[in-house]
Amino acid sequence: MKIGLCRPTITEEMVEAAAEALRNERLVLGESVFKFEEAFARYTGTDHAVSVGSGTAALTLTLIAKGMKGKDVLTTPLSFVATATSMVHAGAVPRFADAMEEDFLIDPMEIPRRLTENTAGIMPVHLFGRTCDMDRIVEIASERDLFLIEDAAQAHGALYKGRKAGSLGDAGCFYFY
């Protein structure tokens, strides 16, 4: 028996928009992509949004752009494999702080204990539409001058004290599977 996780919603409007883009735009970097990036930046309350082919690519390119090669980046082991593999792809070293039992999000009390002399970044993972304790994580990152990348793959539209996930750190990465 096959049990699906979920069924995607695909409306006729969506099919027509995709067909229109394929008929009238380039395969990549078309006008609809630019419009999406502008709209998504407004939606998340950020200055910019850049589309790439996958969430792994978004995380990897962000790590590369920030020069994380050879540096430790702290995250949670309770995440999709892309979180840690993006670090490996970028030449960084994944380090882990445990998640909290009550919400499965990274435990901010564990972060200082797991930092090394070589730690250059923190990548909290917002899960199940819930955001991490960003006040404490931002404070830790700021105190130690660490780059803060939010893996917001499962938190589109989630709010933390009135601000959208993905807008609380130095960079936020979303995936659309």
N, C-alpha and C. Protein backbone atom coordinates (compact mmCIF):
# COMPACT_ATOMS: atom_id res chain seq x y z
N MET A 1 0.84 -1.17 0.00
CA MET A 1 0.00 0.00 0.00
C MET A 1 0.89 1.24 0.00
N LYS A 2 0.57 2.19 -0.81
CA LYS A 2 1.32 3.44 -0.87
C LYS A 2 0.58 4.50 -0.06
N ILE A 3 1.28 5.09 0.89
CA ILE A 3 0.70 6.15 1.71
C ILE A 3 1.48 7.43 1.44
N GLY A 4 0.83 8.39 0.84
CA GLY A 4 1.50 9.64 0.50
C GLY A 4 1.59 10.59 1.68
N LEU A 5 2.64 11.37 1.70
CA LEU A 5 2.81 12.36 2.75
C LEU A 5 1.81 13.50 2.59
N CYS A 6 1.65 13.94 1.35
CA CYS A 6 0.67 14.99 1.07
C CYS A 6 0.41 15.03 -0.43
N ARG A 7 -0.63 15.71 -0.80
CA ARG A 7 -0.93 15.90 -2.22
C ARG A 7 -0.71 17.36 -2.56
N PRO A 8 0.06 17.61 -3.61
CA PRO A 8 0.28 19.01 -3.97
C PRO A 8 -1.00 19.63 -4.54
N THR A 9 -1.16 20.89 -4.29
CA THR A 9 -2.28 21.63 -4.86
C THR A 9 -1.81 22.25 -6.16
N ILE A 10 -2.41 21.86 -7.25
CA ILE A 10 -2.07 22.41 -8.56
C ILE A 10 -3.37 22.83 -9.22
N THR A 11 -3.56 24.13 -9.32
CA THR A 11 -4.78 24.67 -9.92
C THR A 11 -4.57 24.94 -11.41
N GLU A 12 -5.63 25.17 -12.11
CA GLU A 12 -5.55 25.53 -13.53
C GLU A 12 -4.79 26.84 -13.70
N GLU A 13 -4.96 27.77 -12.76
CA GLU A 13 -4.23 29.04 -12.81
C GLU A 13 -2.72 28.79 -12.74
N MET A 14 -2.30 27.85 -11.90
CA MET A 14 -0.89 27.52 -11.78
C MET A 14 -0.36 26.89 -13.07
N VAL A 15 -1.12 25.97 -13.62
CA VAL A 15 -0.73 25.31 -14.87
C VAL A 15 -0.59 26.35 -15.97
N GLU A 16 -1.54 27.27 -16.06
CA GLU A 16 -1.49 28.30 -17.10
C GLU A 16 -0.30 29.25 -16.89
N ALA A 17 -0.02 29.61 -15.65
CA ALA A 17 1.13 30.48 -15.37
C ALA A 17 2.44 29.80 -15.78
N ALA A 18 2.57 28.50 -15.48
CA ALA A 18 3.77 27.76 -15.87
C ALA A 18 3.88 27.67 -17.39
N ALA A 19 2.78 27.38 -18.04
CA ALA A 19 2.79 27.29 -19.50
C ALA A 19 3.13 28.65 -20.12
N GLU A 20 2.58 29.70 -19.58
CA GLU A 20 2.86 31.06 -20.07
C GLU A 20 4.36 31.39 -19.93
N ALA A 21 4.94 31.04 -18.81
CA ALA A 21 6.37 31.30 -18.61
C ALA A 21 7.21 30.48 -19.59
N LEU A 22 6.83 29.22 -19.81
CA LEU A 22 7.57 28.38 -20.75
C LEU A 22 7.44 28.87 -22.19
N ARG A 23 6.27 29.38 -22.56
CA ARG A 23 6.04 29.87 -23.91
C ARG A 23 6.73 31.21 -24.18
N ASN A 24 6.76 32.09 -23.19
CA ASN A 24 7.14 33.47 -23.45
C ASN A 24 8.39 33.98 -22.73
N GLU A 25 9.00 33.16 -21.92
CA GLU A 25 10.19 33.61 -21.19
C GLU A 25 11.33 32.65 -21.44
N ARG A 26 12.49 33.05 -20.94
CA ARG A 26 13.63 32.14 -20.97
C ARG A 26 13.37 31.02 -19.96
N LEU A 27 14.11 29.93 -20.11
CA LEU A 27 13.92 28.80 -19.20
C LEU A 27 14.31 29.18 -17.77
N VAL A 28 15.33 30.02 -17.63
CA VAL A 28 15.73 30.52 -16.31
C VAL A 28 15.84 32.04 -16.37
N LEU A 29 15.73 32.65 -15.21
CA LEU A 29 15.88 34.11 -15.08
C LEU A 29 14.89 34.90 -15.92
N GLY A 30 13.69 34.40 -16.04
CA GLY A 30 12.66 35.11 -16.77
C GLY A 30 12.00 36.19 -15.91
N GLU A 31 11.13 36.95 -16.51
CA GLU A 31 10.45 38.05 -15.83
C GLU A 31 9.64 37.56 -14.62
N SER A 32 9.03 36.39 -14.75
CA SER A 32 8.24 35.88 -13.61
C SER A 32 9.14 35.56 -12.41
N VAL A 33 10.37 35.16 -12.65
CA VAL A 33 11.31 34.90 -11.55
C VAL A 33 11.64 36.20 -10.85
N PHE A 34 11.93 37.24 -11.61
CA PHE A 34 12.24 38.54 -11.01
C PHE A 34 11.06 39.07 -10.20
N LYS A 35 9.86 38.92 -10.74
CA LYS A 35 8.66 39.35 -10.01
C LYS A 35 8.49 38.55 -8.72
N PHE A 36 8.74 37.24 -8.81
CA PHE A 36 8.65 36.40 -7.62
C PHE A 36 9.64 36.86 -6.56
N GLU A 37 10.89 37.10 -6.96
CA GLU A 37 11.93 37.51 -6.01
C GLU A 37 11.53 38.81 -5.30
N GLU A 38 11.03 39.76 -6.06
CA GLU A 38 10.59 41.03 -5.46
C GLU A 38 9.44 40.81 -4.49
N ALA A 39 8.47 40.00 -4.90
CA ALA A 39 7.30 39.74 -4.05
C ALA A 39 7.70 38.95 -2.80
N PHE A 40 8.61 37.99 -2.94
CA PHE A 40 9.01 37.19 -1.78
C PHE A 40 9.82 38.03 -0.80
N ALA A 41 10.65 38.93 -1.29
CA ALA A 41 11.39 39.84 -0.40
C ALA A 41 10.41 40.70 0.39
N ARG A 42 9.40 41.23 -0.28
CA ARG A 42 8.38 42.03 0.43
C ARG A 42 7.66 41.17 1.47
N TYR A 43 7.29 39.96 1.08
CA TYR A 43 6.56 39.05 1.97
C TYR A 43 7.34 38.72 3.23
N THR A 44 8.66 38.49 3.08
CA THR A 44 9.47 38.11 4.23
C THR A 44 10.01 39.31 5.00
N GLY A 45 9.83 40.51 4.43
CA GLY A 45 10.32 41.71 5.11
C GLY A 45 11.83 41.87 4.98
N THR A 46 12.38 41.42 3.87
CA THR A 46 13.81 41.54 3.62
C THR A 46 14.07 42.48 2.45
N ASP A 47 15.30 42.90 2.32
CA ASP A 47 15.66 43.81 1.22
C ASP A 47 15.76 43.09 -0.11
N HIS A 48 16.16 41.81 -0.08
CA HIS A 48 16.40 41.08 -1.32
C HIS A 48 15.96 39.63 -1.18
N ALA A 49 15.67 39.02 -2.31
CA ALA A 49 15.44 37.58 -2.41
C ALA A 49 16.05 37.13 -3.72
N VAL A 50 16.75 36.01 -3.69
CA VAL A 50 17.40 35.47 -4.88
C VAL A 50 16.96 34.02 -5.04
N SER A 51 16.47 33.68 -6.22
CA SER A 51 16.03 32.31 -6.49
C SER A 51 17.19 31.48 -7.01
N VAL A 52 17.29 30.24 -6.53
CA VAL A 52 18.23 29.26 -7.04
C VAL A 52 17.48 27.95 -7.22
N GLY A 53 18.15 26.93 -7.71
CA GLY A 53 17.49 25.69 -8.08
C GLY A 53 17.01 24.81 -6.95
N SER A 54 17.59 24.95 -5.75
CA SER A 54 17.19 24.08 -4.65
C SER A 54 17.55 24.73 -3.32
N GLY A 55 16.99 24.19 -2.26
CA GLY A 55 17.32 24.67 -0.92
C GLY A 55 18.77 24.37 -0.57
N THR A 56 19.26 23.21 -1.00
CA THR A 56 20.66 22.88 -0.77
C THR A 56 21.56 23.91 -1.43
N ALA A 57 21.22 24.30 -2.66
CA ALA A 57 22.00 25.32 -3.36
C ALA A 57 21.94 26.65 -2.63
N ALA A 58 20.76 27.01 -2.12
CA ALA A 58 20.62 28.28 -1.40
C ALA A 58 21.53 28.31 -0.18
N LEU A 59 21.51 27.25 0.61
CA LEU A 59 22.35 27.18 1.80
C LEU A 59 23.84 27.15 1.42
N THR A 60 24.19 26.32 0.44
CA THR A 60 25.58 26.19 0.02
C THR A 60 26.13 27.52 -0.50
N LEU A 61 25.38 28.16 -1.39
CA LEU A 61 25.85 29.43 -1.96
C LEU A 61 25.97 30.52 -0.90
N THR A 62 25.09 30.51 0.08
CA THR A 62 25.18 31.48 1.17
C THR A 62 26.45 31.25 1.98
N LEU A 63 26.74 30.00 2.28
CA LEU A 63 27.96 29.67 3.03
C LEU A 63 29.22 30.03 2.24
N ILE A 64 29.21 29.76 0.95
CA ILE A 64 30.36 30.10 0.11
C ILE A 64 30.53 31.61 0.04
N ALA A 65 29.43 32.32 -0.16
CA ALA A 65 29.49 33.79 -0.27
C ALA A 65 30.06 34.41 1.00
N LYS A 66 29.81 33.79 2.13
CA LYS A 66 30.30 34.32 3.40
C LYS A 66 31.69 33.79 3.76
N GLY A 67 32.27 32.96 2.90
CA GLY A 67 33.63 32.48 3.13
C GLY A 67 33.77 31.49 4.26
N MET A 68 32.85 30.54 4.34
CA MET A 68 32.86 29.58 5.44
C MET A 68 33.77 28.38 5.20
N LYS A 69 34.47 28.33 4.08
CA LYS A 69 35.36 27.21 3.80
C LYS A 69 36.38 27.07 4.93
N GLY A 70 36.48 25.82 5.46
CA GLY A 70 37.41 25.55 6.54
C GLY A 70 36.94 25.98 7.92
N LYS A 71 35.75 26.55 8.01
CA LYS A 71 35.21 27.04 9.29
C LYS A 71 34.14 26.08 9.80
N ASP A 72 33.93 26.10 11.11
CA ASP A 72 32.85 25.33 11.72
C ASP A 72 31.56 26.14 11.65
N VAL A 73 30.46 25.45 11.36
CA VAL A 73 29.13 26.07 11.38
C VAL A 73 28.25 25.19 12.27
N LEU A 74 27.62 25.81 13.24
CA LEU A 74 26.81 25.09 14.23
C LEU A 74 25.36 25.02 13.77
N THR A 75 24.78 23.84 13.88
CA THR A 75 23.37 23.64 13.54
C THR A 75 22.81 22.54 14.43
N THR A 76 21.62 22.08 14.11
CA THR A 76 20.98 20.99 14.83
C THR A 76 21.03 19.72 13.97
N PRO A 77 21.16 18.56 14.59
CA PRO A 77 21.11 17.33 13.80
C PRO A 77 19.68 16.96 13.39
N LEU A 78 18.70 17.61 13.99
CA LEU A 78 17.30 17.31 13.69
C LEU A 78 16.82 18.20 12.54
N SER A 79 17.20 17.79 11.34
CA SER A 79 16.88 18.56 10.14
C SER A 79 17.02 17.64 8.94
N PHE A 80 16.57 18.11 7.81
CA PHE A 80 16.79 17.40 6.55
C PHE A 80 18.29 17.41 6.26
N VAL A 81 18.78 16.43 5.57
CA VAL A 81 20.20 16.27 5.31
C VAL A 81 20.82 17.47 4.59
N ALA A 82 20.04 18.26 3.88
CA ALA A 82 20.56 19.42 3.15
C ALA A 82 21.24 20.43 4.07
N THR A 83 20.78 20.54 5.31
CA THR A 83 21.37 21.51 6.23
C THR A 83 22.84 21.22 6.42
N ALA A 84 23.19 20.00 6.79
CA ALA A 84 24.59 19.63 7.01
C ALA A 84 25.36 19.45 5.71
N THR A 85 24.73 18.86 4.70
CA THR A 85 25.47 18.63 3.45
C THR A 85 25.81 19.94 2.75
N SER A 86 25.00 20.97 2.93
CA SER A 86 25.34 22.27 2.33
C SER A 86 26.66 22.78 2.91
N MET A 87 26.88 22.50 4.18
CA MET A 87 28.14 22.90 4.82
C MET A 87 29.31 22.15 4.21
N VAL A 88 29.13 20.85 4.02
CA VAL A 88 30.18 20.03 3.42
C VAL A 88 30.47 20.51 1.99
N HIS A 89 29.41 20.77 1.22
CA HIS A 89 29.58 21.27 -0.16
C HIS A 89 30.36 22.58 -0.18
N ALA A 90 30.15 23.42 0.82
CA ALA A 90 30.82 24.73 0.89
C ALA A 90 32.21 24.64 1.51
N GLY A 91 32.61 23.45 1.94
CA GLY A 91 33.92 23.28 2.55
C GLY A 91 33.96 23.61 4.03
N ALA A 92 32.79 23.80 4.62
CA ALA A 92 32.69 24.08 6.06
C ALA A 92 32.55 22.75 6.82
N VAL A 93 32.65 22.84 8.13
CA VAL A 93 32.55 21.66 8.98
C VAL A 93 31.27 21.77 9.82
N PRO A 94 30.32 20.85 9.63
CA PRO A 94 29.11 20.90 10.45
C PRO A 94 29.40 20.49 11.89
N ARG A 95 28.87 21.26 12.82
CA ARG A 95 28.94 20.95 14.24
C ARG A 95 27.51 21.00 14.75
N PHE A 96 27.20 20.18 15.76
CA PHE A 96 25.81 20.04 16.17
C PHE A 96 25.57 20.40 17.63
N ALA A 97 24.45 21.07 17.84
CA ALA A 97 23.91 21.33 19.18
C ALA A 97 22.55 20.63 19.22
N ASP A 98 22.26 19.99 20.31
CA ASP A 98 21.03 19.21 20.43
C ASP A 98 19.77 20.07 20.30
N ALA A 99 18.71 19.39 19.93
CA ALA A 99 17.39 20.01 19.85
C ALA A 99 16.68 19.83 21.20
N MET A 100 15.69 20.67 21.42
CA MET A 100 14.89 20.57 22.65
C MET A 100 13.79 19.54 22.45
N GLU A 101 13.51 18.78 23.48
CA GLU A 101 12.53 17.72 23.40
C GLU A 101 11.12 18.25 23.15
N GLU A 102 10.80 19.42 23.70
CA GLU A 102 9.42 19.90 23.60
C GLU A 102 9.02 20.45 22.23
N ASP A 103 9.99 20.95 21.44
CA ASP A 103 9.60 21.50 20.13
C ASP A 103 10.52 21.08 18.99
N PHE A 104 11.57 20.31 19.29
CA PHE A 104 12.52 19.79 18.31
C PHE A 104 13.38 20.86 17.64
N LEU A 105 13.38 22.07 18.18
CA LEU A 105 14.21 23.15 17.66
C LEU A 105 15.54 23.19 18.40
N ILE A 106 16.54 23.80 17.79
CA ILE A 106 17.87 23.86 18.40
C ILE A 106 17.77 24.50 19.79
N ASP A 107 18.47 23.92 20.73
CA ASP A 107 18.46 24.41 22.11
C ASP A 107 19.48 25.55 22.23
N PRO A 108 19.02 26.78 22.41
CA PRO A 108 19.97 27.90 22.49
C PRO A 108 20.93 27.79 23.67
N MET A 109 20.58 27.04 24.69
CA MET A 109 21.48 26.84 25.84
C MET A 109 22.65 25.93 25.46
N GLU A 110 22.46 25.10 24.46
CA GLU A 110 23.51 24.18 24.01
C GLU A 110 24.52 24.88 23.08
N ILE A 111 24.09 25.94 22.43
CA ILE A 111 24.94 26.57 21.43
C ILE A 111 26.29 27.02 22.01
N PRO A 112 26.33 27.78 23.09
CA PRO A 112 27.64 28.21 23.60
C PRO A 112 28.55 27.05 23.97
N ARG A 113 27.98 25.95 24.41
CA ARG A 113 28.77 24.77 24.80
C ARG A 113 29.40 24.08 23.60
N ARG A 114 28.82 24.26 22.43
CA ARG A 114 29.27 23.55 21.23
C ARG A 114 30.17 24.41 20.33
N LEU A 115 30.31 25.67 20.63
CA LEU A 115 31.15 26.54 19.82
C LEU A 115 32.62 26.17 19.98
N THR A 116 33.38 26.29 18.90
CA THR A 116 34.82 26.05 18.93
C THR A 116 35.53 27.35 18.56
N GLU A 117 36.84 27.34 18.66
CA GLU A 117 37.64 28.49 18.23
C GLU A 117 37.46 28.75 16.74
N ASN A 118 37.07 27.70 16.01
CA ASN A 118 36.95 27.79 14.55
C ASN A 118 35.51 28.06 14.09
N THR A 119 34.58 28.22 15.02
CA THR A 119 33.18 28.45 14.64
C THR A 119 33.03 29.84 14.05
N ALA A 120 32.43 29.89 12.86
CA ALA A 120 32.23 31.17 12.18
C ALA A 120 30.75 31.44 11.90
N GLY A 121 29.89 30.44 12.11
CA GLY A 121 28.48 30.64 11.81
C GLY A 121 27.57 29.74 12.60
N ILE A 122 26.31 30.15 12.66
CA ILE A 122 25.24 29.36 13.28
C ILE A 122 24.13 29.26 12.25
N MET A 123 23.58 28.05 12.08
CA MET A 123 22.47 27.83 11.16
C MET A 123 21.32 27.17 11.92
N PRO A 124 20.47 27.97 12.59
CA PRO A 124 19.29 27.39 13.23
C PRO A 124 18.30 26.93 12.16
N VAL A 125 17.53 25.92 12.50
CA VAL A 125 16.55 25.37 11.56
C VAL A 125 15.16 25.55 12.17
N HIS A 126 14.33 26.34 11.51
CA HIS A 126 12.94 26.49 11.94
C HIS A 126 12.16 25.30 11.39
N LEU A 127 11.40 24.63 12.25
CA LEU A 127 10.70 23.41 11.85
C LEU A 127 9.21 23.49 12.12
N PHE A 128 8.46 22.80 11.29
CA PHE A 128 7.03 22.59 11.50
C PHE A 128 6.27 23.91 11.67
N GLY A 129 6.73 24.95 10.99
CA GLY A 129 6.08 26.25 11.10
C GLY A 129 6.40 26.99 12.38
N ARG A 130 7.36 26.50 13.13
CA ARG A 130 7.76 27.14 14.40
C ARG A 130 9.16 27.71 14.24
N THR A 131 9.41 28.81 14.90
CA THR A 131 10.71 29.45 14.82
C THR A 131 11.53 29.17 16.08
N CYS A 132 12.83 29.16 15.90
CA CYS A 132 13.76 28.98 17.02
C CYS A 132 13.72 30.20 17.93
N ASP A 133 14.34 30.09 19.07
CA ASP A 133 14.47 31.21 20.02
C ASP A 133 15.50 32.18 19.47
N MET A 134 15.06 33.03 18.56
CA MET A 134 15.99 33.88 17.83
C MET A 134 16.58 35.00 18.67
N ASP A 135 15.91 35.45 19.71
CA ASP A 135 16.52 36.47 20.57
C ASP A 135 17.84 35.97 21.13
N ARG A 136 17.82 34.78 21.69
CA ARG A 136 19.03 34.22 22.29
C ARG A 136 20.07 33.87 21.24
N ILE A 137 19.63 33.32 20.11
CA ILE A 137 20.57 32.93 19.05
C ILE A 137 21.22 34.15 18.42
N VAL A 138 20.44 35.19 18.16
CA VAL A 138 21.00 36.44 17.63
C VAL A 138 21.99 37.04 18.62
N GLU A 139 21.65 36.98 19.90
CA GLU A 139 22.55 37.50 20.93
C GLU A 139 23.89 36.76 20.92
N ILE A 140 23.84 35.44 20.86
CA ILE A 140 25.07 34.63 20.83
C ILE A 140 25.88 34.96 19.59
N ALA A 141 25.22 35.01 18.44
CA ALA A 141 25.92 35.31 17.18
C ALA A 141 26.56 36.69 17.23
N SER A 142 25.83 37.64 17.76
CA SER A 142 26.34 39.01 17.84
C SER A 142 27.53 39.12 18.79
N GLU A 143 27.43 38.50 19.95
CA GLU A 143 28.51 38.53 20.95
C GLU A 143 29.81 37.96 20.40
N ARG A 144 29.69 36.96 19.54
CA ARG A 144 30.88 36.26 19.05
C ARG A 144 31.19 36.57 17.59
N ASP A 145 30.47 37.54 17.02
CA ASP A 145 30.66 37.94 15.62
C ASP A 145 30.54 36.74 14.67
N LEU A 146 29.46 35.97 14.83
CA LEU A 146 29.21 34.80 14.01
C LEU A 146 28.14 35.12 12.96
N PHE A 147 28.31 34.59 11.76
CA PHE A 147 27.33 34.75 10.70
C PHE A 147 26.12 33.88 11.03
N LEU A 148 24.92 34.42 10.87
CA LEU A 148 23.69 33.72 11.24
C LEU A 148 22.83 33.48 10.01
N ILE A 149 22.71 32.20 9.61
CA ILE A 149 21.93 31.79 8.44
C ILE A 149 20.74 31.00 8.92
N GLU A 150 19.54 31.47 8.64
CA GLU A 150 18.34 30.73 9.03
C GLU A 150 17.97 29.72 7.94
N ASP A 151 17.86 28.46 8.31
CA ASP A 151 17.29 27.45 7.42
C ASP A 151 15.79 27.48 7.71
N ALA A 152 15.06 28.15 6.85
CA ALA A 152 13.63 28.39 7.07
C ALA A 152 12.76 27.55 6.13
N ALA A 153 13.26 26.39 5.74
CA ALA A 153 12.57 25.55 4.77
C ALA A 153 11.16 25.16 5.20
N GLN A 154 10.96 25.02 6.50
CA GLN A 154 9.65 24.59 6.98
C GLN A 154 8.96 25.69 7.77
N ALA A 155 9.23 26.92 7.40
CA ALA A 155 8.66 28.02 8.19
C ALA A 155 8.22 29.20 7.33
N HIS A 156 7.77 28.94 6.12
CA HIS A 156 7.27 30.02 5.27
C HIS A 156 6.12 30.73 5.97
N GLY A 157 6.30 31.99 6.25
CA GLY A 157 5.23 32.77 6.88
C GLY A 157 5.21 32.71 8.39
N ALA A 158 6.03 31.86 9.00
CA ALA A 158 6.06 31.76 10.46
C ALA A 158 6.58 33.07 11.05
N LEU A 159 6.01 33.46 12.16
CA LEU A 159 6.39 34.73 12.79
C LEU A 159 7.13 34.49 14.10
N TYR A 160 8.11 35.35 14.34
CA TYR A 160 8.80 35.40 15.61
C TYR A 160 8.72 36.84 16.09
N LYS A 161 7.89 37.09 17.09
CA LYS A 161 7.70 38.43 17.64
C LYS A 161 7.39 39.45 16.53
N GLY A 162 6.51 39.03 15.62
CA GLY A 162 6.03 39.92 14.56
C GLY A 162 6.90 39.99 13.32
N ARG A 163 8.02 39.30 13.32
CA ARG A 163 8.90 39.28 12.14
C ARG A 163 8.90 37.89 11.52
N LYS A 164 8.97 37.85 10.20
CA LYS A 164 8.92 36.57 9.48
C LYS A 164 10.22 35.80 9.61
N ALA A 165 10.08 34.49 9.71
CA ALA A 165 11.24 33.60 9.65
C ALA A 165 12.00 33.90 8.37
N GLY A 166 13.31 33.84 8.46
CA GLY A 166 14.14 34.14 7.30
C GLY A 166 14.60 35.59 7.25
N SER A 167 14.03 36.43 8.14
CA SER A 167 14.40 37.85 8.15
C SER A 167 15.12 38.24 9.44
N LEU A 168 15.43 37.26 10.27
CA LEU A 168 15.95 37.54 11.60
C LEU A 168 17.47 37.43 11.71
N GLY A 169 18.09 36.73 10.80
CA GLY A 169 19.54 36.56 10.81
C GLY A 169 20.19 37.40 9.72
N ASP A 170 21.42 37.02 9.38
CA ASP A 170 22.12 37.70 8.29
C ASP A 170 21.61 37.25 6.94
N ALA A 171 21.11 36.02 6.87
CA ALA A 171 20.53 35.47 5.65
C ALA A 171 19.51 34.42 6.03
N GLY A 172 18.52 34.23 5.18
CA GLY A 172 17.51 33.20 5.39
C GLY A 172 17.33 32.41 4.11
N CYS A 173 17.22 31.11 4.22
CA CYS A 173 17.06 30.25 3.04
C CYS A 173 15.78 29.43 3.17
N PHE A 174 15.02 29.45 2.10
CA PHE A 174 13.75 28.71 2.01
C PHE A 174 13.85 27.70 0.90
N TYR A 175 13.05 26.64 0.97
CA TYR A 175 12.98 25.69 -0.12
C TYR A 175 11.49 25.54 -0.48
N PHE A 176 11.28 25.14 -1.71
CA PHE A 176 9.92 24.87 -2.15
C PHE A 176 9.77 23.45 -2.64
N TYR A 177 10.73 22.60 -2.30
CA TYR A 177 10.74 21.18 -2.65
C TYR A 177 10.56 20.97 -4.14
